[in-house]
Amino acid sequence: MDELAQLTGLCRGLGAPAGQAESMARQLIKRADQLVVERGQAREEAMAYLLRLVVQGRQGEVPPEFRPPTPGAENQNRPDSSAK
């Protein structure tokens, strides 16, 4: 079984309809190849990262790198200009 078929099956198992599952699988393959070039990651590492994102998304979890900053976090290391 080739990579496309395996990923399509995985996406189907996560609830995607057949046509959408194949499209998702193709996008995962394409993005993994892009990450290899952009970040210099090993292909397996890039695909593992993407698959973790897919599974977390399916479970309704927001990965830390996609969470919005905590309110006030950008001001934590700045001196308080209102102090006299």
Protein backbone atom coordinates (compact mmCIF):
# COMPACT_ATOMS: atom_id res chain seq x y z
CA MET A 1 0.00 0.00 0.00
CA ASP A 2 1.47 3.36 -1.01
CA GLU A 3 1.63 6.51 1.11
CA LEU A 4 -1.37 8.16 -0.56
CA ALA A 5 -3.56 5.11 0.08
CA GLN A 6 -2.40 4.87 3.69
CA LEU A 7 -3.05 8.54 4.40
CA THR A 8 -6.40 8.41 2.61
CA GLY A 9 -7.39 5.48 4.81
CA LEU A 10 -6.28 7.36 7.90
CA CYS A 11 -8.32 10.42 6.94
CA ARG A 12 -11.34 8.21 6.23
CA GLY A 13 -10.86 6.64 9.65
CA LEU A 14 -10.95 10.11 11.18
CA GLY A 15 -14.33 10.73 9.56
CA ALA A 16 -13.60 12.39 6.22
CA PRO A 17 -15.71 11.35 3.21
CA ALA A 18 -13.82 9.41 0.50
CA GLY A 19 -13.20 12.31 -1.90
CA GLN A 20 -12.22 14.70 0.85
CA ALA A 21 -9.99 12.09 2.49
CA GLU A 22 -7.94 11.70 -0.69
CA SER A 23 -7.67 15.46 -1.08
CA MET A 24 -6.53 15.78 2.53
CA ALA A 25 -3.97 13.02 2.01
CA ARG A 26 -2.55 14.77 -1.05
CA GLN A 27 -2.30 18.03 0.89
CA LEU A 28 -0.48 16.29 3.76
CA ILE A 29 2.04 14.83 1.32
CA LYS A 30 2.52 18.19 -0.38
CA ARG A 31 2.94 20.07 2.92
CA ALA A 32 5.36 17.48 4.30
CA ASP A 33 7.52 17.96 1.21
CA GLN A 34 7.37 21.74 1.71
CA LEU A 35 8.45 21.43 5.35
CA VAL A 36 11.42 19.34 4.30
CA VAL A 37 12.60 22.19 2.08
CA GLU A 38 11.59 25.10 4.32
CA ARG A 39 12.79 23.75 7.67
CA GLY A 40 15.29 21.12 6.65
CA GLN A 41 13.33 18.47 8.55
CA ALA A 42 13.49 14.79 7.73
CA ARG A 43 10.46 13.72 5.67
CA GLU A 44 9.29 11.35 8.40
CA GLU A 45 9.58 14.08 11.03
CA ALA A 46 7.58 16.52 8.90
CA MET A 47 4.83 13.98 8.26
CA ALA A 48 4.68 12.99 11.94
CA TYR A 49 4.26 16.67 12.88
CA LEU A 50 1.42 17.10 10.39
CA LEU A 51 -0.31 13.92 11.49
CA ARG A 52 -0.15 15.09 15.12
CA LEU A 53 -1.85 18.34 14.04
CA VAL A 54 -4.57 16.41 12.19
CA VAL A 55 -5.28 14.15 15.16
CA GLN A 56 -5.24 17.03 17.64
CA GLY A 57 -7.57 19.02 15.41
CA ARG A 58 -9.94 16.08 15.11
CA GLN A 59 -10.00 15.83 18.90
CA GLY A 60 -10.78 19.53 19.20
CA GLU A 61 -7.41 20.41 20.70
CA VAL A 62 -5.50 23.54 19.76
CA PRO A 63 -1.75 22.87 19.54
CA PRO A 64 0.35 25.34 21.59
CA GLU A 65 1.91 26.93 18.51
CA PHE A 66 -1.59 27.92 17.29
CA ARG A 67 -2.95 29.30 20.55
CA PRO A 68 -3.38 33.06 20.79
CA PRO A 69 -1.04 34.86 23.16
CA THR A 70 -2.26 35.30 26.70
CA PRO A 71 -3.64 38.79 27.35
CA GLY A 72 -0.93 41.00 28.76
CA ALA A 73 1.85 38.56 27.89
CA GLU A 74 3.46 41.02 25.50
CA ASN A 75 3.77 43.57 28.31
CA GLN A 76 5.21 41.24 30.94
CA ASN A 77 8.85 42.11 30.31
CA ARG A 78 8.38 45.84 29.80
CA PRO A 79 8.89 48.27 32.65
CA ASP A 80 5.69 49.88 33.87
CA SER A 81 5.73 53.43 32.55
CA SER A 82 3.03 54.50 35.00
CA ALA A 83 5.22 53.85 38.06
CA LYS A 84 6.77 56.97 39.55
